[in-house]
């Protein structure tokens, strides 16, 4: 991994498509709600009379008045108290990068790029589980190691397996844990391949059995027809 600045290495749209999949496997992704001040409702302003927020602002208590000089605008009077809106945010953190992260409003690209995490967020489910295999589900990481890794935003086996050498230096037994994580994923990949082969063989065996049954049925029909013909000729 190069030492490029964080935003050019991890921010969506800043890297080539070929690198995205590899990087995404080791990122800590967290969708969350972030309170943001509604500047228009809190401080007032000027908007077109057909602005989509006109009715919403009225319900919040803002007064809407005609502009004295410009009929294409209306004046929004402040509500008189701070108004905040909950906005969807995404936090993108490389494993081990506790203080080096990007936290910003969600874009359509984020939802496309991290669909499993976003779906878990909307359903109130664990985003860690959506990102991979949580470290809580494996036995090769003890409780103390798990808490230390969590502090540095390493929460899944996939993130641990793909952590960079630079970030790995922060952990006492980092090399050992990363190796175990890689072995774990490799073993499960082999198991998955074996399962796919077994499934293919089972499907083939089922098809062969079906063909044999069809042949036996056809043979029985031929033999029965031959017997009838023999009786008729006798």
Protein backbone atom coordinates (compact mmCIF):
# COMPACT_ATOMS: atom_id res chain seq x y z
CA UNK A 1 0.00 0.00 0.00
CA UNK A 2 1.34 3.41 -0.91
CA UNK A 3 1.67 6.32 1.48
CA UNK A 4 -0.79 8.50 -0.39
CA UNK A 5 -2.86 10.96 1.67
CA UNK A 6 -5.93 9.46 3.29
CA UNK A 7 -8.54 11.21 1.15
CA UNK A 8 -6.99 10.06 -2.12
CA UNK A 9 -6.60 6.52 -0.83
CA UNK A 10 -10.01 5.93 0.71
CA UNK A 11 -12.50 8.57 -0.36
CA UNK A 12 -15.02 7.18 -2.92
CA UNK A 13 -14.30 8.28 -6.47
CA UNK A 14 -10.65 9.10 -5.80
CA UNK A 15 -9.18 5.72 -6.79
CA UNK A 16 -9.47 3.36 -9.74
CA UNK A 17 -12.15 0.69 -9.90
CA UNK A 18 -9.54 -2.08 -9.78
CA UNK A 19 -8.34 -0.94 -6.34
CA UNK A 20 -11.72 -0.34 -4.73
CA UNK A 21 -12.67 -3.97 -4.01
CA UNK A 22 -9.32 -4.71 -2.36
CA UNK A 23 -9.43 -1.57 -0.21
CA UNK A 24 -13.05 -2.01 0.80
CA UNK A 25 -12.34 -5.40 2.38
CA UNK A 26 -10.17 -3.74 4.99
CA UNK A 27 -12.13 -0.57 5.72
CA UNK A 28 -14.21 0.03 8.83
CA UNK A 29 -17.52 1.42 7.59
CA UNK A 30 -20.12 2.95 9.88
CA UNK A 31 -23.30 4.63 8.70
CA UNK A 32 -24.82 6.81 11.41
CA UNK A 33 -27.10 9.78 12.03
CA UNK A 34 -25.46 13.13 12.66
CA UNK A 35 -27.34 16.20 14.00
CA UNK A 36 -26.82 19.24 11.80
CA UNK A 37 -28.14 22.72 12.37
CA UNK A 38 -30.89 23.76 9.98
CA UNK A 39 -29.40 27.12 9.06
CA UNK A 40 -32.45 28.31 7.15
CA UNK A 41 -34.89 27.60 9.98
CA UNK A 42 -32.54 28.80 12.72
CA UNK A 43 -31.16 31.94 11.11
CA UNK A 44 -33.62 32.69 8.30
CA UNK A 45 -32.83 33.59 4.73
CA UNK A 46 -34.27 34.07 1.26
CA UNK A 47 -35.68 31.38 -0.99
CA UNK A 48 -37.93 31.15 -4.07
CA UNK A 49 -41.66 31.02 -3.21
CA UNK A 50 -41.95 27.55 -4.78
CA UNK A 51 -39.03 26.15 -2.75
CA UNK A 52 -39.80 22.55 -1.63
CA UNK A 53 -39.14 23.44 2.03
CA UNK A 54 -41.70 26.25 2.32
CA UNK A 55 -44.42 24.13 3.99
CA UNK A 56 -41.89 22.33 6.19
CA UNK A 57 -40.49 25.66 7.41
CA UNK A 58 -44.00 26.90 8.22
CA UNK A 59 -44.65 23.79 10.33
CA UNK A 60 -41.43 24.47 12.23
CA UNK A 61 -42.75 27.93 13.06
CA UNK A 62 -40.88 30.07 10.54
CA UNK A 63 -42.76 33.01 9.05
CA UNK A 64 -42.66 33.34 5.28
CA UNK A 65 -43.02 36.92 3.96
CA UNK A 66 -42.94 38.38 0.45
CA UNK A 67 -39.70 40.05 -0.51
CA UNK A 68 -40.24 43.84 -0.65
CA UNK A 69 -38.13 44.31 -3.77
CA UNK A 70 -37.79 40.94 -5.51
CA UNK A 71 -41.00 39.02 -6.28
CA UNK A 72 -38.96 35.94 -7.21
CA UNK A 73 -37.98 35.52 -3.55
CA UNK A 74 -39.63 35.24 -0.15
CA UNK A 75 -38.08 36.02 3.22
CA UNK A 76 -37.83 33.26 5.83
CA UNK A 77 -37.93 34.67 9.36
CA UNK A 78 -35.96 32.67 11.98
CA UNK A 79 -37.95 30.27 14.13
CA UNK A 80 -36.40 31.79 17.25
CA UNK A 81 -34.66 28.68 18.53
CA UNK A 82 -31.93 26.35 17.21
CA UNK A 83 -33.34 23.76 14.81
CA UNK A 84 -31.41 20.59 14.04
CA UNK A 85 -31.98 17.83 11.49
CA UNK A 86 -30.62 14.27 11.64
CA UNK A 87 -28.54 13.68 8.52
CA UNK A 88 -27.18 10.32 7.35
CA UNK A 89 -23.38 10.25 7.65
CA UNK A 90 -20.76 7.68 6.77
CA UNK A 91 -17.53 7.08 8.67
CA UNK A 92 -14.72 5.49 6.64
CA UNK A 93 -11.71 4.34 8.63
CA UNK A 94 -8.74 2.16 7.61
CA UNK A 95 -7.96 -0.58 10.15
CA UNK A 96 -5.71 0.85 12.82
CA UNK A 97 -6.46 4.41 11.71
CA UNK A 98 -8.16 5.57 14.87
CA UNK A 99 -7.42 9.25 14.27
CA UNK A 100 -7.23 9.12 10.49
CA UNK A 101 -10.75 8.88 9.15
CA UNK A 102 -13.36 10.48 6.93
CA UNK A 103 -16.79 11.33 8.41
CA UNK A 104 -19.18 13.08 6.03
CA UNK A 105 -22.73 13.07 4.61
CA UNK A 106 -23.79 9.92 2.77
CA UNK A 107 -23.84 9.97 -1.03
CA UNK A 108 -25.62 7.72 -3.52
CA UNK A 109 -22.22 6.25 -4.35
CA UNK A 110 -21.72 5.25 -0.70
CA UNK A 111 -25.00 3.33 -0.71
CA UNK A 112 -23.98 1.54 -3.90
CA UNK A 113 -20.45 0.88 -2.71
CA UNK A 114 -21.41 -0.44 0.74
CA UNK A 115 -24.93 -1.87 0.27
CA UNK A 116 -24.72 -4.50 3.02
CA UNK A 117 -23.59 -2.02 5.68
CA UNK A 118 -26.19 0.54 4.62
CA UNK A 119 -28.98 -2.05 4.70
CA UNK A 120 -27.87 -3.14 8.20
CA UNK A 121 -27.84 0.51 9.32
CA UNK A 122 -31.39 1.12 8.04
CA UNK A 123 -32.62 -2.06 9.77
CA UNK A 124 -30.83 -1.31 13.04
CA UNK A 125 -28.57 -4.37 12.68
CA UNK A 126 -24.84 -4.83 13.25
CA UNK A 127 -22.78 -3.19 10.53
CA UNK A 128 -19.77 -5.23 11.66
CA UNK A 129 -21.54 -8.44 10.67
CA UNK A 130 -22.45 -6.89 7.32
CA UNK A 131 -18.77 -6.05 6.74
CA UNK A 132 -17.49 -9.58 7.29
CA UNK A 133 -16.90 -12.04 10.14
CA UNK A 134 -16.93 -10.20 13.50
CA UNK A 135 -13.93 -10.91 15.73
CA UNK A 136 -16.43 -11.92 18.43
CA UNK A 137 -17.18 -15.01 16.33
CA UNK A 138 -13.65 -16.45 16.25
CA UNK A 139 -11.60 -18.10 18.98
CA UNK A 140 -8.07 -17.13 17.90
CA UNK A 141 -8.54 -13.58 19.25
CA UNK A 142 -8.91 -13.32 23.02
CA UNK A 143 -11.01 -10.72 24.84
CA UNK A 144 -8.12 -8.35 25.58
CA UNK A 145 -6.86 -8.48 21.98
CA UNK A 146 -10.38 -7.98 20.68
CA UNK A 147 -10.84 -4.83 22.77
CA UNK A 148 -7.49 -3.44 21.66
CA UNK A 149 -8.30 -4.10 18.00
CA UNK A 150 -11.74 -2.56 18.43
CA UNK A 151 -10.14 0.60 19.85
CA UNK A 152 -8.29 0.94 16.54
CA UNK A 153 -11.43 0.12 14.50
CA UNK A 154 -10.44 -3.41 13.58
CA UNK A 155 -13.66 -5.33 14.12
CA UNK A 156 -13.78 -8.13 11.54
CA UNK A 157 -11.52 -10.97 10.45
CA UNK A 158 -11.37 -9.45 6.96
CA UNK A 159 -10.11 -6.13 8.32
CA UNK A 160 -7.52 -7.87 10.48
CA UNK A 161 -6.29 -10.01 7.59
CA UNK A 162 -5.82 -6.99 5.32
CA UNK A 163 -4.34 -4.53 7.81
CA UNK A 164 -1.24 -2.76 6.49
CA UNK A 165 2.26 -3.34 7.87
CA UNK A 166 2.38 0.28 9.01
CA UNK A 167 -0.78 -0.03 11.11
CA UNK A 168 0.22 -3.49 12.32
CA UNK A 169 3.11 -2.01 14.28
CA UNK A 170 0.63 -0.62 16.83
CA UNK A 171 -0.19 -4.11 18.13
CA UNK A 172 2.02 -6.30 20.31
CA UNK A 173 1.09 -9.54 18.56
CA UNK A 174 -0.11 -8.01 15.32
CA UNK A 175 1.82 -10.26 12.94
CA UNK A 176 0.57 -13.41 14.66
CA UNK A 177 -3.05 -12.25 14.65
CA UNK A 178 -2.93 -11.15 11.03
CA UNK A 179 -1.48 -14.50 10.01
CA UNK A 180 -4.24 -16.32 11.92
CA UNK A 181 -6.88 -14.15 10.26
CA UNK A 182 -5.46 -14.91 6.81
CA UNK A 183 -5.35 -18.63 7.58
CA UNK A 184 -8.94 -18.49 8.83
CA UNK A 185 -10.16 -16.85 5.63
CA UNK A 186 -8.11 -19.19 3.45
CA UNK A 187 -9.54 -22.24 5.26
CA UNK A 188 -13.08 -20.98 4.79
CA UNK A 189 -12.39 -20.26 1.13
CA UNK A 190 -11.16 -23.83 0.66
CA UNK A 191 -14.20 -25.12 2.53
CA UNK A 192 -16.42 -23.05 0.27
CA UNK A 193 -14.71 -24.44 -2.82
CA UNK A 194 -15.12 -27.99 -1.50
CA UNK A 195 -18.78 -27.34 -0.79
CA UNK A 196 -19.28 -26.05 -4.33
CA UNK A 197 -17.60 -29.15 -5.77
CA UNK A 198 -19.72 -31.46 -3.60
CA UNK A 199 -22.85 -29.59 -4.65
CA UNK A 200 -21.89 -29.91 -8.33
CA UNK A 201 -21.20 -33.64 -7.93
CA UNK A 202 -24.48 -34.14 -6.08
CA UNK A 203 -26.32 -32.36 -8.87
CA UNK A 204 -24.57 -34.52 -11.45
CA UNK A 205 -25.41 -37.69 -9.52
CA UNK A 206 -29.04 -36.61 -9.30
CA UNK A 207 -29.14 -35.99 -13.04
CA UNK A 208 -27.54 -39.40 -13.71
CA UNK A 209 -30.06 -41.09 -11.41
CA UNK A 210 -32.90 -39.35 -13.21
CA UNK A 211 -31.57 -40.48 -16.60
CA UNK A 212 -31.25 -44.05 -15.35
CA UNK A 213 -34.83 -43.96 -14.10
CA UNK A 214 -36.01 -42.67 -17.47
CA UNK A 215 -34.06 -45.39 -19.28
CA UNK A 216 -35.50 -48.08 -16.99
CA UNK A 217 -39.01 -46.75 -17.63
CA UNK A 218 -38.39 -46.70 -21.37
CA UNK A 219 -36.94 -50.25 -21.27
CA UNK A 220 -40.00 -51.46 -19.37
CA UNK A 221 -42.33 -49.92 -21.96
CA UNK A 222 -40.37 -51.52 -24.82
CA UNK A 223 -40.42 -54.92 -23.14
CA UNK A 224 -44.17 -54.61 -22.47
CA UNK A 225 -44.82 -53.66 -26.09
CA UNK A 226 -42.75 -56.64 -27.25
CA UNK A 227 -44.72 -59.00 -25.03
CA UNK A 228 -48.03 -57.69 -26.43
CA UNK A 229 -46.73 -58.11 -29.96
CA UNK A 230 -45.63 -61.66 -29.23
CA UNK A 231 -49.06 -62.56 -27.77
CA UNK A 232 -50.80 -61.07 -30.80
CA UNK A 233 -48.61 -63.00 -33.25
CA UNK A 234 -48.94 -66.25 -31.28
